[in-house]
N, C-alpha and C. Protein backbone atom coordinates (compact mmCIF):
# COMPACT_ATOMS: atom_id res chain seq x y z
N MET A 1 5.67 -12.95 9.07
CA MET A 1 6.29 -12.67 7.79
C MET A 1 7.44 -11.70 8.01
N ASN A 2 8.56 -11.94 7.37
CA ASN A 2 9.68 -11.01 7.42
C ASN A 2 9.30 -9.74 6.68
N GLU A 3 10.04 -8.68 6.97
CA GLU A 3 9.76 -7.42 6.32
C GLU A 3 10.03 -7.52 4.82
N PRO A 4 9.04 -7.20 4.01
CA PRO A 4 9.23 -7.26 2.55
C PRO A 4 10.10 -6.08 2.09
N SER A 5 10.77 -6.29 0.99
CA SER A 5 11.58 -5.22 0.41
C SER A 5 10.66 -4.14 -0.16
N THR A 6 11.22 -2.97 -0.34
CA THR A 6 10.47 -1.88 -0.96
C THR A 6 9.97 -2.31 -2.34
N ALA A 7 10.83 -2.98 -3.09
CA ALA A 7 10.46 -3.43 -4.44
C ALA A 7 9.27 -4.40 -4.39
N ALA A 8 9.26 -5.30 -3.39
CA ALA A 8 8.17 -6.27 -3.28
C ALA A 8 6.85 -5.59 -2.98
N VAL A 9 6.88 -4.59 -2.10
CA VAL A 9 5.64 -3.88 -1.77
C VAL A 9 5.18 -3.05 -2.96
N LEU A 10 6.11 -2.38 -3.63
CA LEU A 10 5.75 -1.60 -4.82
C LEU A 10 5.14 -2.48 -5.90
N THR A 11 5.70 -3.66 -6.10
CA THR A 11 5.17 -4.59 -7.09
C THR A 11 3.73 -4.96 -6.77
N GLU A 12 3.45 -5.20 -5.49
CA GLU A 12 2.09 -5.56 -5.11
C GLU A 12 1.13 -4.37 -5.24
N ILE A 13 1.59 -3.18 -4.88
CA ILE A 13 0.76 -1.99 -5.04
C ILE A 13 0.43 -1.79 -6.51
N ARG A 14 1.44 -1.95 -7.38
CA ARG A 14 1.21 -1.83 -8.84
C ARG A 14 0.17 -2.84 -9.32
N ALA A 15 0.32 -4.08 -8.86
CA ALA A 15 -0.60 -5.15 -9.29
C ALA A 15 -2.03 -4.84 -8.87
N ILE A 16 -2.21 -4.40 -7.64
CA ILE A 16 -3.55 -4.08 -7.15
C ILE A 16 -4.10 -2.86 -7.88
N ALA A 17 -3.27 -1.84 -8.06
CA ALA A 17 -3.71 -0.63 -8.75
C ALA A 17 -4.14 -0.93 -10.18
N GLN A 18 -3.43 -1.82 -10.85
CA GLN A 18 -3.79 -2.17 -12.22
C GLN A 18 -5.04 -3.03 -12.27
N ALA A 19 -5.09 -4.06 -11.42
CA ALA A 19 -6.19 -5.02 -11.48
C ALA A 19 -7.50 -4.47 -10.91
N GLU A 20 -7.40 -3.73 -9.83
CA GLU A 20 -8.61 -3.32 -9.11
C GLU A 20 -9.00 -1.86 -9.32
N LEU A 21 -8.01 -1.01 -9.63
CA LEU A 21 -8.28 0.43 -9.70
C LEU A 21 -8.09 0.99 -11.11
N ASP A 22 -7.81 0.12 -12.07
CA ASP A 22 -7.63 0.51 -13.47
C ASP A 22 -6.54 1.57 -13.67
N HIS A 23 -5.51 1.52 -12.83
CA HIS A 23 -4.38 2.44 -12.99
C HIS A 23 -3.38 1.80 -13.95
N THR A 24 -3.14 2.46 -15.07
CA THR A 24 -2.27 1.86 -16.09
C THR A 24 -0.93 2.56 -16.22
N GLY A 25 -0.76 3.69 -15.59
CA GLY A 25 0.49 4.43 -15.72
C GLY A 25 1.58 3.93 -14.80
N PRO A 26 2.72 4.59 -14.86
CA PRO A 26 3.82 4.21 -13.97
C PRO A 26 3.46 4.53 -12.52
N LEU A 27 4.18 3.93 -11.62
CA LEU A 27 3.93 4.13 -10.20
C LEU A 27 5.27 4.15 -9.48
N THR A 28 5.54 5.22 -8.75
CA THR A 28 6.79 5.34 -8.00
C THR A 28 6.48 5.69 -6.55
N GLU A 29 7.48 5.61 -5.71
CA GLU A 29 7.31 5.96 -4.30
C GLU A 29 6.91 7.41 -4.11
N ASP A 30 7.29 8.27 -5.04
CA ASP A 30 6.99 9.70 -4.93
C ASP A 30 5.58 10.07 -5.36
N ASP A 31 4.88 9.16 -6.01
CA ASP A 31 3.52 9.45 -6.47
C ASP A 31 2.59 9.65 -5.27
N GLU A 32 1.76 10.68 -5.37
CA GLU A 32 0.76 10.91 -4.34
C GLU A 32 -0.46 10.04 -4.62
N LEU A 33 -0.97 9.43 -3.56
CA LEU A 33 -2.08 8.49 -3.71
C LEU A 33 -3.31 9.16 -4.31
N VAL A 34 -3.64 10.35 -3.85
CA VAL A 34 -4.84 11.03 -4.35
C VAL A 34 -4.54 11.84 -5.61
N ALA A 35 -3.56 12.72 -5.54
CA ALA A 35 -3.30 13.64 -6.65
C ALA A 35 -2.81 12.94 -7.91
N ASP A 36 -1.88 12.00 -7.76
CA ASP A 36 -1.29 11.35 -8.93
C ASP A 36 -2.03 10.08 -9.36
N LEU A 37 -2.49 9.31 -8.40
CA LEU A 37 -3.14 8.05 -8.74
C LEU A 37 -4.66 8.15 -8.75
N GLY A 38 -5.20 9.23 -8.23
CA GLY A 38 -6.64 9.41 -8.22
C GLY A 38 -7.38 8.47 -7.30
N ILE A 39 -6.73 8.04 -6.25
CA ILE A 39 -7.36 7.08 -5.33
C ILE A 39 -8.31 7.82 -4.40
N ASP A 40 -9.57 7.42 -4.43
CA ASP A 40 -10.57 7.98 -3.54
C ASP A 40 -10.71 7.08 -2.32
N SER A 41 -11.69 7.35 -1.48
CA SER A 41 -11.83 6.57 -0.24
C SER A 41 -12.11 5.09 -0.52
N LEU A 42 -12.91 4.80 -1.53
CA LEU A 42 -13.18 3.40 -1.88
C LEU A 42 -11.91 2.75 -2.44
N GLY A 43 -11.20 3.46 -3.29
CA GLY A 43 -9.95 2.94 -3.83
C GLY A 43 -8.93 2.67 -2.74
N ALA A 44 -8.90 3.54 -1.73
CA ALA A 44 -7.97 3.34 -0.61
C ALA A 44 -8.30 2.06 0.15
N ILE A 45 -9.59 1.79 0.31
CA ILE A 45 -10.01 0.56 0.99
C ILE A 45 -9.62 -0.66 0.16
N VAL A 46 -9.88 -0.60 -1.14
CA VAL A 46 -9.52 -1.71 -2.03
C VAL A 46 -8.02 -1.98 -1.97
N LEU A 47 -7.24 -0.92 -2.03
CA LEU A 47 -5.78 -1.05 -1.97
C LEU A 47 -5.33 -1.62 -0.63
N ALA A 48 -5.89 -1.09 0.46
CA ALA A 48 -5.52 -1.56 1.79
C ALA A 48 -5.87 -3.04 1.98
N VAL A 49 -7.06 -3.43 1.57
CA VAL A 49 -7.49 -4.83 1.74
C VAL A 49 -6.60 -5.76 0.90
N GLY A 50 -6.27 -5.36 -0.31
CA GLY A 50 -5.39 -6.17 -1.14
C GLY A 50 -4.02 -6.35 -0.51
N LEU A 51 -3.48 -5.27 0.05
CA LEU A 51 -2.17 -5.36 0.71
C LEU A 51 -2.26 -6.18 1.99
N GLU A 52 -3.35 -6.01 2.74
CA GLU A 52 -3.54 -6.80 3.96
C GLU A 52 -3.59 -8.29 3.64
N ASN A 53 -4.33 -8.64 2.61
CA ASN A 53 -4.45 -10.05 2.23
C ASN A 53 -3.12 -10.62 1.75
N HIS A 54 -2.39 -9.84 0.98
CA HIS A 54 -1.13 -10.34 0.44
C HIS A 54 -0.05 -10.47 1.52
N PHE A 55 0.07 -9.46 2.37
CA PHE A 55 1.15 -9.44 3.36
C PHE A 55 0.71 -9.93 4.75
N ARG A 56 -0.59 -10.24 4.89
CA ARG A 56 -1.13 -10.77 6.15
C ARG A 56 -0.88 -9.82 7.32
N VAL A 57 -1.21 -8.55 7.10
CA VAL A 57 -1.09 -7.53 8.15
C VAL A 57 -2.37 -6.70 8.17
N HIS A 58 -2.52 -5.89 9.21
CA HIS A 58 -3.68 -5.00 9.33
C HIS A 58 -3.21 -3.57 9.11
N LEU A 59 -3.78 -2.88 8.11
CA LEU A 59 -3.34 -1.53 7.76
C LEU A 59 -4.35 -0.45 8.10
N GLN A 60 -5.60 -0.76 8.12
CA GLN A 60 -6.62 0.27 8.19
C GLN A 60 -6.64 0.99 9.52
N GLU A 61 -7.25 2.17 9.47
CA GLU A 61 -7.45 3.07 10.59
C GLU A 61 -6.16 3.70 11.06
N GLN A 62 -5.50 3.07 11.99
CA GLN A 62 -4.34 3.67 12.64
C GLN A 62 -3.25 3.98 11.62
N GLY A 63 -2.90 5.24 11.50
CA GLY A 63 -1.84 5.64 10.59
C GLY A 63 -2.30 5.95 9.18
N ALA A 64 -3.52 5.60 8.84
CA ALA A 64 -3.98 5.79 7.47
C ALA A 64 -4.08 7.27 7.10
N GLY A 65 -4.39 8.12 8.05
CA GLY A 65 -4.53 9.54 7.77
C GLY A 65 -3.24 10.23 7.40
N THR A 66 -2.12 9.61 7.70
CA THR A 66 -0.82 10.24 7.41
C THR A 66 -0.26 9.80 6.07
N LEU A 67 -0.96 8.95 5.36
CA LEU A 67 -0.48 8.45 4.08
C LEU A 67 -0.76 9.46 2.98
N VAL A 68 0.30 9.94 2.35
CA VAL A 68 0.16 10.88 1.26
C VAL A 68 0.71 10.28 -0.03
N THR A 69 1.86 9.63 0.06
CA THR A 69 2.52 9.08 -1.12
C THR A 69 2.52 7.56 -1.11
N VAL A 70 2.85 7.00 -2.26
CA VAL A 70 3.02 5.55 -2.36
C VAL A 70 4.13 5.11 -1.40
N GLY A 71 5.18 5.91 -1.29
CA GLY A 71 6.28 5.58 -0.36
C GLY A 71 5.80 5.50 1.08
N ASP A 72 4.88 6.39 1.48
CA ASP A 72 4.30 6.32 2.83
C ASP A 72 3.60 4.98 3.03
N LEU A 73 2.88 4.54 2.02
CA LEU A 73 2.16 3.27 2.09
C LEU A 73 3.14 2.10 2.16
N VAL A 74 4.20 2.16 1.38
CA VAL A 74 5.23 1.12 1.41
C VAL A 74 5.80 1.00 2.82
N ARG A 75 6.16 2.14 3.41
CA ARG A 75 6.76 2.12 4.75
C ARG A 75 5.78 1.60 5.79
N LEU A 76 4.47 1.92 5.64
CA LEU A 76 3.47 1.41 6.57
C LEU A 76 3.37 -0.11 6.48
N VAL A 77 3.35 -0.63 5.27
CA VAL A 77 3.30 -2.10 5.09
C VAL A 77 4.53 -2.74 5.74
N GLN A 78 5.69 -2.17 5.50
CA GLN A 78 6.92 -2.72 6.08
C GLN A 78 6.87 -2.66 7.60
N GLN A 79 6.38 -1.56 8.15
CA GLN A 79 6.28 -1.42 9.59
C GLN A 79 5.33 -2.47 10.18
N ARG A 80 4.18 -2.64 9.54
CA ARG A 80 3.21 -3.63 10.04
C ARG A 80 3.77 -5.05 9.96
N CYS A 81 4.54 -5.33 8.92
CA CYS A 81 5.17 -6.65 8.80
C CYS A 81 6.19 -6.86 9.92
N ARG A 82 6.96 -5.83 10.24
CA ARG A 82 7.92 -5.92 11.35
C ARG A 82 7.18 -6.19 12.67
N GLU A 83 6.11 -5.45 12.89
CA GLU A 83 5.31 -5.62 14.12
C GLU A 83 4.72 -7.02 14.19
N ALA A 84 4.23 -7.52 13.08
CA ALA A 84 3.63 -8.87 13.05
C ALA A 84 4.69 -9.94 13.33
N ALA A 85 5.90 -9.71 12.85
CA ALA A 85 6.97 -10.69 13.06
C ALA A 85 7.37 -10.76 14.53
N ARG A 86 7.22 -9.65 15.24
CA ARG A 86 7.60 -9.62 16.66
C ARG A 86 6.54 -10.24 17.54
N SER A 87 5.32 -10.32 17.08
CA SER A 87 4.24 -10.85 17.94
C SER A 87 3.99 -12.31 17.73
């Protein structure tokens, strides 16, 4: 898969957050996953699995500890898509 745009990844994060995590407010790259969105460890898994399924990449474990904001997550998805395209 080619690298998705920031907007495409944000759209998918919003969709998963609304459908699976009951997040109804706005969502921006600057939002913190825990402080602003209230995502706990189970919510993080739900979000990661949804993104993995949609973008066909593997996100869990490696790099997950450095994710603080939605923007960090967007960049991780884009990076994994780039890596998948090269292999």
